[in-house]
Amino acid sequence: MSGKFIAYVLSVFTFFYLLLISISFLLFMGIRERVNDICYDIAENISTKSVVSSEIFSYLASSLAGYGEYDLNITLEKNLGENTSAFYYGAEQIKDMPLSSGDRVTISAEDTNPSLFEKLTGTDLRVSAVKIAVVN
């Protein structure tokens, strides 16, 4: 009698654990997709407008803040001529700098905290996105 009860408790516990892992995985994938979409929208905006404004940075930071704490890295590779480039790192150096054709802006965002799915499974699958905008 007690063996059946222990088996029942273990099977219920296993079912709820698998259900929790499935739900947390779906949430993880949804957040991952949304972060990629946000970074893609910003990269597309930069490549079409040819300027990196402070509004773009504030929109990026506020949009990603809704999904967690993200480490943002922004790099500008300014094309100065044939085989010559200048690199600028960080939002302070890049803000409101006019861009010319051939310049590349790299946007990378990485989550600093593990998700519930990572905690449950013991894996390291941080949400991250890297997008490159090439100015036309």
N, C-alpha and C. Protein backbone atom coordinates (compact mmCIF):
# COMPACT_ATOMS: atom_id res chain seq x y z
N MET A 1 0.82 -1.19 0.00
CA MET A 1 0.00 0.00 0.00
C MET A 1 0.87 1.26 0.00
N SER A 2 1.90 1.26 0.84
CA SER A 2 2.73 2.46 0.88
C SER A 2 3.57 2.60 -0.39
N GLY A 3 3.91 1.50 -1.04
CA GLY A 3 4.66 1.56 -2.30
C GLY A 3 3.86 2.22 -3.41
N LYS A 4 2.55 1.92 -3.47
CA LYS A 4 1.70 2.56 -4.47
C LYS A 4 1.59 4.05 -4.21
N PHE A 5 1.49 4.42 -2.94
CA PHE A 5 1.38 5.84 -2.59
C PHE A 5 2.65 6.59 -2.96
N ILE A 6 3.81 6.02 -2.67
CA ILE A 6 5.09 6.65 -3.02
C ILE A 6 5.23 6.77 -4.54
N ALA A 7 4.83 5.73 -5.27
CA ALA A 7 4.88 5.78 -6.74
C ALA A 7 3.94 6.85 -7.28
N TYR A 8 2.76 6.98 -6.66
CA TYR A 8 1.81 8.00 -7.08
C TYR A 8 2.38 9.40 -6.84
N VAL A 9 2.95 9.64 -5.68
CA VAL A 9 3.52 10.95 -5.35
C VAL A 9 4.67 11.28 -6.29
N LEU A 10 5.53 10.30 -6.56
CA LEU A 10 6.65 10.53 -7.47
C LEU A 10 6.17 10.82 -8.90
N SER A 11 5.14 10.12 -9.35
CA SER A 11 4.65 10.36 -10.70
C SER A 11 3.99 11.74 -10.81
N VAL A 12 3.26 12.16 -9.79
CA VAL A 12 2.66 13.50 -9.80
C VAL A 12 3.75 14.56 -9.76
N PHE A 13 4.75 14.36 -8.93
CA PHE A 13 5.85 15.31 -8.85
C PHE A 13 6.59 15.40 -10.18
N THR A 14 6.83 14.27 -10.83
CA THR A 14 7.51 14.26 -12.13
C THR A 14 6.67 14.95 -13.19
N PHE A 15 5.37 14.72 -13.18
CA PHE A 15 4.49 15.36 -14.15
C PHE A 15 4.54 16.88 -14.00
N PHE A 16 4.41 17.38 -12.78
CA PHE A 16 4.43 18.83 -12.57
C PHE A 16 5.80 19.43 -12.88
N TYR A 17 6.86 18.70 -12.61
CA TYR A 17 8.21 19.17 -12.95
C TYR A 17 8.37 19.30 -14.46
N LEU A 18 7.92 18.30 -15.21
CA LEU A 18 8.00 18.37 -16.67
C LEU A 18 7.10 19.47 -17.23
N LEU A 19 5.95 19.67 -16.61
CA LEU A 19 5.06 20.75 -17.03
C LEU A 19 5.72 22.11 -16.78
N LEU A 20 6.35 22.28 -15.64
CA LEU A 20 7.04 23.53 -15.32
C LEU A 20 8.21 23.78 -16.27
N ILE A 21 8.95 22.75 -16.60
CA ILE A 21 10.06 22.90 -17.56
C ILE A 21 9.52 23.28 -18.94
N SER A 22 8.43 22.67 -19.36
CA SER A 22 7.86 22.98 -20.67
C SER A 22 7.38 24.43 -20.75
N ILE A 23 6.68 24.88 -19.73
CA ILE A 23 6.18 26.26 -19.71
C ILE A 23 7.34 27.24 -19.66
N SER A 24 8.33 26.98 -18.83
CA SER A 24 9.47 27.90 -18.74
C SER A 24 10.28 27.92 -20.03
N PHE A 25 10.35 26.79 -20.74
CA PHE A 25 11.03 26.77 -22.04
C PHE A 25 10.30 27.62 -23.07
N LEU A 26 8.98 27.53 -23.09
CA LEU A 26 8.20 28.34 -24.02
C LEU A 26 8.36 29.83 -23.72
N LEU A 27 8.37 30.19 -22.44
CA LEU A 27 8.60 31.58 -22.07
C LEU A 27 10.00 32.04 -22.46
N PHE A 28 10.99 31.19 -22.25
CA PHE A 28 12.37 31.49 -22.62
C PHE A 28 12.49 31.74 -24.11
N MET A 29 11.88 30.89 -24.92
CA MET A 29 11.96 31.06 -26.37
C MET A 29 11.22 32.32 -26.83
N GLY A 30 10.12 32.65 -26.18
CA GLY A 30 9.39 33.87 -26.52
C GLY A 30 10.20 35.12 -26.23
N ILE A 31 10.85 35.15 -25.08
CA ILE A 31 11.70 36.29 -24.72
C ILE A 31 12.89 36.38 -25.66
N ARG A 32 13.47 35.25 -25.98
CA ARG A 32 14.62 35.24 -26.90
C ARG A 32 14.23 35.80 -28.27
N GLU A 33 13.08 35.40 -28.76
CA GLU A 33 12.62 35.88 -30.07
C GLU A 33 12.32 37.38 -30.03
N ARG A 34 11.72 37.84 -28.94
CA ARG A 34 11.39 39.27 -28.84
C ARG A 34 12.65 40.13 -28.75
N VAL A 35 13.66 39.69 -28.02
CA VAL A 35 14.92 40.43 -27.92
C VAL A 35 15.59 40.51 -29.29
N ASN A 36 15.56 39.42 -30.04
CA ASN A 36 16.10 39.44 -31.40
C ASN A 36 15.33 40.42 -32.29
N ASP A 37 14.01 40.46 -32.15
CA ASP A 37 13.20 41.39 -32.95
C ASP A 37 13.51 42.84 -32.61
N ILE A 38 13.67 43.14 -31.33
CA ILE A 38 13.98 44.51 -30.91
C ILE A 38 15.32 44.95 -31.48
N CYS A 39 16.32 44.10 -31.36
CA CYS A 39 17.65 44.45 -31.89
C CYS A 39 17.63 44.56 -33.41
N TYR A 40 16.85 43.73 -34.08
CA TYR A 40 16.74 43.83 -35.53
C TYR A 40 16.08 45.14 -35.94
N ASP A 41 15.01 45.53 -35.23
CA ASP A 41 14.34 46.79 -35.54
C ASP A 41 15.28 47.98 -35.37
N ILE A 42 16.08 47.96 -34.32
CA ILE A 42 17.04 49.05 -34.09
C ILE A 42 18.09 49.07 -35.20
N ALA A 43 18.61 47.91 -35.57
CA ALA A 43 19.62 47.84 -36.64
C ALA A 43 19.05 48.33 -37.96
N GLU A 44 17.82 47.96 -38.25
CA GLU A 44 17.19 48.41 -39.49
C GLU A 44 16.97 49.92 -39.48
N ASN A 45 16.57 50.46 -38.34
CA ASN A 45 16.36 51.89 -38.20
C ASN A 45 17.67 52.65 -38.41
N ILE A 46 18.75 52.16 -37.83
CA ILE A 46 20.05 52.82 -37.97
C ILE A 46 20.52 52.77 -39.43
N SER A 47 20.33 51.65 -40.09
CA SER A 47 20.83 51.53 -41.46
C SER A 47 20.04 52.39 -42.44
N THR A 48 18.76 52.64 -42.18
CA THR A 48 17.98 53.46 -43.10
C THR A 48 18.08 54.95 -42.81
N LYS A 49 18.21 55.34 -41.54
CA LYS A 49 18.28 56.76 -41.19
C LYS A 49 19.69 57.32 -41.22
N SER A 50 20.69 56.48 -41.20
CA SER A 50 22.11 56.88 -41.25
C SER A 50 22.52 57.78 -40.10
N VAL A 51 21.89 57.65 -38.97
CA VAL A 51 22.29 58.38 -37.77
C VAL A 51 21.88 57.55 -36.56
N VAL A 52 22.71 57.61 -35.53
CA VAL A 52 22.41 56.91 -34.29
C VAL A 52 22.04 57.99 -33.27
N SER A 53 20.75 58.14 -33.04
CA SER A 53 20.29 59.21 -32.15
C SER A 53 20.14 58.71 -30.72
N SER A 54 20.01 59.65 -29.81
CA SER A 54 19.85 59.29 -28.40
C SER A 54 18.48 58.65 -28.16
N GLU A 55 17.49 58.96 -29.01
CA GLU A 55 16.18 58.33 -28.88
C GLU A 55 16.26 56.83 -29.17
N ILE A 56 17.11 56.47 -30.11
CA ILE A 56 17.28 55.05 -30.43
C ILE A 56 17.86 54.30 -29.24
N PHE A 57 18.86 54.90 -28.58
CA PHE A 57 19.45 54.25 -27.42
C PHE A 57 18.46 54.13 -26.27
N SER A 58 17.68 55.18 -26.04
CA SER A 58 16.71 55.12 -24.95
C SER A 58 15.61 54.11 -25.26
N TYR A 59 15.18 54.02 -26.52
CA TYR A 59 14.18 53.02 -26.90
C TYR A 59 14.73 51.61 -26.72
N LEU A 60 15.98 51.39 -27.12
CA LEU A 60 16.60 50.07 -26.98
C LEU A 60 16.69 49.67 -25.51
N ALA A 61 17.17 50.59 -24.68
CA ALA A 61 17.32 50.28 -23.26
C ALA A 61 15.97 50.04 -22.58
N SER A 62 14.98 50.87 -22.89
CA SER A 62 13.68 50.71 -22.24
C SER A 62 12.95 49.47 -22.74
N SER A 63 13.11 49.14 -24.01
CA SER A 63 12.45 47.93 -24.55
C SER A 63 13.04 46.66 -23.95
N LEU A 64 14.35 46.62 -23.82
CA LEU A 64 14.99 45.43 -23.26
C LEU A 64 14.80 45.34 -21.75
N ALA A 65 14.59 46.46 -21.08
CA ALA A 65 14.40 46.44 -19.63
C ALA A 65 13.13 45.69 -19.25
N GLY A 66 12.17 45.63 -20.14
CA GLY A 66 10.95 44.88 -19.87
C GLY A 66 11.15 43.38 -19.86
N TYR A 67 12.27 42.90 -20.35
CA TYR A 67 12.54 41.47 -20.43
C TYR A 67 13.68 41.02 -19.54
N GLY A 68 14.26 41.92 -18.76
CA GLY A 68 15.34 41.55 -17.86
C GLY A 68 16.45 42.58 -17.87
N GLU A 69 17.55 42.24 -17.22
CA GLU A 69 18.71 43.12 -17.18
C GLU A 69 19.68 42.69 -18.27
N TYR A 70 19.94 43.59 -19.22
CA TYR A 70 20.78 43.25 -20.36
C TYR A 70 22.03 44.10 -20.38
N ASP A 71 23.12 43.47 -20.78
CA ASP A 71 24.39 44.14 -20.98
C ASP A 71 24.44 44.54 -22.46
N LEU A 72 24.38 45.86 -22.73
CA LEU A 72 24.37 46.36 -24.10
C LEU A 72 25.75 46.81 -24.51
N ASN A 73 26.19 46.36 -25.67
CA ASN A 73 27.46 46.79 -26.25
C ASN A 73 27.18 47.27 -27.67
N ILE A 74 27.62 48.49 -27.96
CA ILE A 74 27.40 49.06 -29.29
C ILE A 74 28.74 49.51 -29.83
N THR A 75 29.05 49.09 -31.06
CA THR A 75 30.32 49.39 -31.69
C THR A 75 30.06 49.99 -33.06
N LEU A 76 30.79 51.05 -33.39
CA LEU A 76 30.70 51.68 -34.71
C LEU A 76 32.02 51.50 -35.43
N GLU A 77 31.96 50.94 -36.61
CA GLU A 77 33.13 50.84 -37.48
C GLU A 77 32.93 51.84 -38.61
N LYS A 78 33.59 52.99 -38.49
CA LYS A 78 33.42 54.08 -39.45
C LYS A 78 34.40 53.88 -40.59
N ASN A 79 33.87 53.84 -41.80
CA ASN A 79 34.68 53.64 -43.00
C ASN A 79 35.34 54.97 -43.38
N LEU A 80 36.67 55.04 -43.32
CA LEU A 80 37.41 56.27 -43.63
C LEU A 80 38.01 56.26 -45.03
N GLY A 81 37.89 55.20 -45.72
CA GLY A 81 38.45 55.12 -47.06
C GLY A 81 38.84 53.69 -47.36
N GLU A 82 39.66 53.53 -48.36
CA GLU A 82 40.10 52.20 -48.79
C GLU A 82 40.92 51.53 -47.69
N ASN A 83 40.42 50.42 -47.16
CA ASN A 83 41.10 49.60 -46.14
C ASN A 83 41.43 50.37 -44.87
N THR A 84 40.69 51.42 -44.56
CA THR A 84 40.92 52.21 -43.35
C THR A 84 39.60 52.37 -42.60
N SER A 85 39.62 52.04 -41.32
CA SER A 85 38.42 52.15 -40.50
C SER A 85 38.78 52.71 -39.14
N ALA A 86 37.82 53.38 -38.52
CA ALA A 86 37.96 53.86 -37.15
C ALA A 86 36.87 53.19 -36.33
N PHE A 87 37.21 52.76 -35.13
CA PHE A 87 36.26 52.07 -34.27
C PHE A 87 35.89 52.96 -33.10
N TYR A 88 34.59 53.02 -32.79
CA TYR A 88 34.07 53.75 -31.65
C TYR A 88 33.27 52.77 -30.81
N TYR A 89 33.48 52.83 -29.50
CA TYR A 89 32.84 51.89 -28.59
C TYR A 89 31.98 52.65 -27.59
N GLY A 90 30.79 52.17 -27.36
CA GLY A 90 29.91 52.73 -26.34
C GLY A 90 28.97 53.77 -26.89
N ALA A 91 27.88 53.94 -26.18
CA ALA A 91 26.83 54.85 -26.63
C ALA A 91 27.28 56.31 -26.57
N GLU A 92 28.13 56.66 -25.63
CA GLU A 92 28.54 58.06 -25.48
C GLU A 92 29.35 58.54 -26.68
N GLN A 93 30.17 57.69 -27.25
CA GLN A 93 30.98 58.08 -28.41
C GLN A 93 30.18 58.06 -29.71
N ILE A 94 29.15 57.27 -29.77
CA ILE A 94 28.44 57.05 -31.03
C ILE A 94 27.21 57.95 -31.18
N LYS A 95 26.65 58.44 -30.09
CA LYS A 95 25.40 59.20 -30.14
C LYS A 95 25.51 60.39 -31.09
N ASP A 96 24.46 60.54 -31.91
CA ASP A 96 24.28 61.67 -32.82
C ASP A 96 25.45 61.88 -33.77
N MET A 97 26.20 60.83 -34.06
CA MET A 97 27.29 60.92 -35.03
C MET A 97 26.71 60.57 -36.40
N PRO A 98 26.87 61.46 -37.40
CA PRO A 98 26.35 61.13 -38.73
C PRO A 98 27.14 59.98 -39.35
N LEU A 99 26.43 59.12 -40.03
CA LEU A 99 27.04 57.94 -40.64
C LEU A 99 27.04 58.08 -42.16
N SER A 100 28.05 57.54 -42.78
CA SER A 100 28.13 57.55 -44.24
C SER A 100 28.00 56.13 -44.77
N SER A 101 27.92 56.01 -46.07
CA SER A 101 27.74 54.71 -46.69
C SER A 101 28.93 53.80 -46.40
N GLY A 102 28.65 52.58 -45.98
CA GLY A 102 29.68 51.61 -45.67
C GLY A 102 30.01 51.49 -44.19
N ASP A 103 29.50 52.39 -43.36
CA ASP A 103 29.73 52.29 -41.91
C ASP A 103 28.91 51.13 -41.35
N ARG A 104 29.46 50.50 -40.31
CA ARG A 104 28.80 49.35 -39.69
C ARG A 104 28.62 49.59 -38.20
N VAL A 105 27.40 49.36 -37.74
CA VAL A 105 27.07 49.46 -36.31
C VAL A 105 26.70 48.07 -35.82
N THR A 106 27.39 47.61 -34.78
CA THR A 106 27.13 46.30 -34.20
C THR A 106 26.43 46.49 -32.86
N ILE A 107 25.27 45.88 -32.71
CA ILE A 107 24.49 45.95 -31.48
C ILE A 107 24.48 44.56 -30.87
N SER A 108 24.92 44.45 -29.62
CA SER A 108 24.86 43.16 -28.94
C SER A 108 24.22 43.35 -27.57
N ALA A 109 23.32 42.45 -27.24
CA ALA A 109 22.63 42.47 -25.96
C ALA A 109 22.68 41.07 -25.36
N GLU A 110 23.06 40.99 -24.09
CA GLU A 110 23.13 39.70 -23.41
C GLU A 110 22.51 39.82 -22.03
N ASP A 111 21.67 38.87 -21.70
CA ASP A 111 21.01 38.86 -20.39
C ASP A 111 22.04 38.55 -19.31
N THR A 112 21.97 39.29 -18.21
CA THR A 112 22.93 39.08 -17.13
C THR A 112 22.44 38.09 -16.09
N ASN A 113 21.14 37.83 -16.05
CA ASN A 113 20.58 36.91 -15.06
C ASN A 113 20.06 35.65 -15.75
N PRO A 114 20.20 34.50 -15.12
CA PRO A 114 19.66 33.27 -15.72
C PRO A 114 18.14 33.25 -15.65
N SER A 115 17.53 32.63 -16.64
CA SER A 115 16.07 32.51 -16.66
C SER A 115 15.63 31.33 -15.79
N LEU A 116 14.33 31.20 -15.62
CA LEU A 116 13.79 30.08 -14.83
C LEU A 116 14.12 28.75 -15.49
N PHE A 117 14.08 28.70 -16.81
CA PHE A 117 14.41 27.47 -17.53
C PHE A 117 15.86 27.07 -17.28
N GLU A 118 16.77 28.03 -17.28
CA GLU A 118 18.18 27.73 -17.00
C GLU A 118 18.38 27.24 -15.58
N LYS A 119 17.65 27.82 -14.64
CA LYS A 119 17.78 27.40 -13.25
C LYS A 119 17.24 25.98 -13.04
N LEU A 120 16.14 25.66 -13.72
CA LEU A 120 15.55 24.33 -13.56
C LEU A 120 16.39 23.23 -14.20
N THR A 121 16.99 23.53 -15.35
CA THR A 121 17.74 22.50 -16.07
C THR A 121 19.23 22.53 -15.79
N GLY A 122 19.73 23.60 -15.19
CA GLY A 122 21.15 23.69 -14.88
C GLY A 122 22.01 23.98 -16.09
N THR A 123 21.43 24.55 -17.14
CA THR A 123 22.18 24.89 -18.35
C THR A 123 22.47 26.38 -18.39
N ASP A 124 23.38 26.77 -19.25
CA ASP A 124 23.71 28.19 -19.43
C ASP A 124 23.34 28.59 -20.85
N LEU A 125 22.11 29.02 -21.03
CA LEU A 125 21.59 29.43 -22.34
C LEU A 125 21.10 30.87 -22.26
N ARG A 126 21.97 31.79 -21.91
CA ARG A 126 21.55 33.18 -21.73
C ARG A 126 20.95 33.73 -23.02
N VAL A 127 19.93 34.55 -22.85
CA VAL A 127 19.31 35.22 -23.98
C VAL A 127 20.29 36.27 -24.49
N SER A 128 20.60 36.22 -25.77
CA SER A 128 21.51 37.20 -26.35
C SER A 128 21.13 37.43 -27.80
N ALA A 129 21.52 38.60 -28.30
CA ALA A 129 21.27 38.95 -29.69
C ALA A 129 22.41 39.81 -30.19
N VAL A 130 22.85 39.55 -31.41
CA VAL A 130 23.87 40.37 -32.06
C VAL A 130 23.35 40.71 -33.45
N LYS A 131 23.25 42.00 -33.73
CA LYS A 131 22.79 42.46 -35.04
C LYS A 131 23.79 43.49 -35.57
N ILE A 132 24.01 43.46 -36.88
CA ILE A 132 24.93 44.38 -37.53
C ILE A 132 24.14 45.19 -38.54
N ALA A 133 24.25 46.52 -38.44
CA ALA A 133 23.60 47.43 -39.38
C ALA A 133 24.66 48.02 -40.29
N VAL A 134 24.50 47.82 -41.59
CA VAL A 134 25.40 48.41 -42.58
C VAL A 134 24.65 49.57 -43.22
N VAL A 135 25.23 50.77 -43.13
CA VAL A 135 24.57 51.97 -43.64
C VAL A 135 24.65 51.97 -45.16
N ASN A 136 23.51 52.23 -45.80
CA ASN A 136 23.45 52.27 -47.26
C ASN A 136 23.99 53.58 -47.80
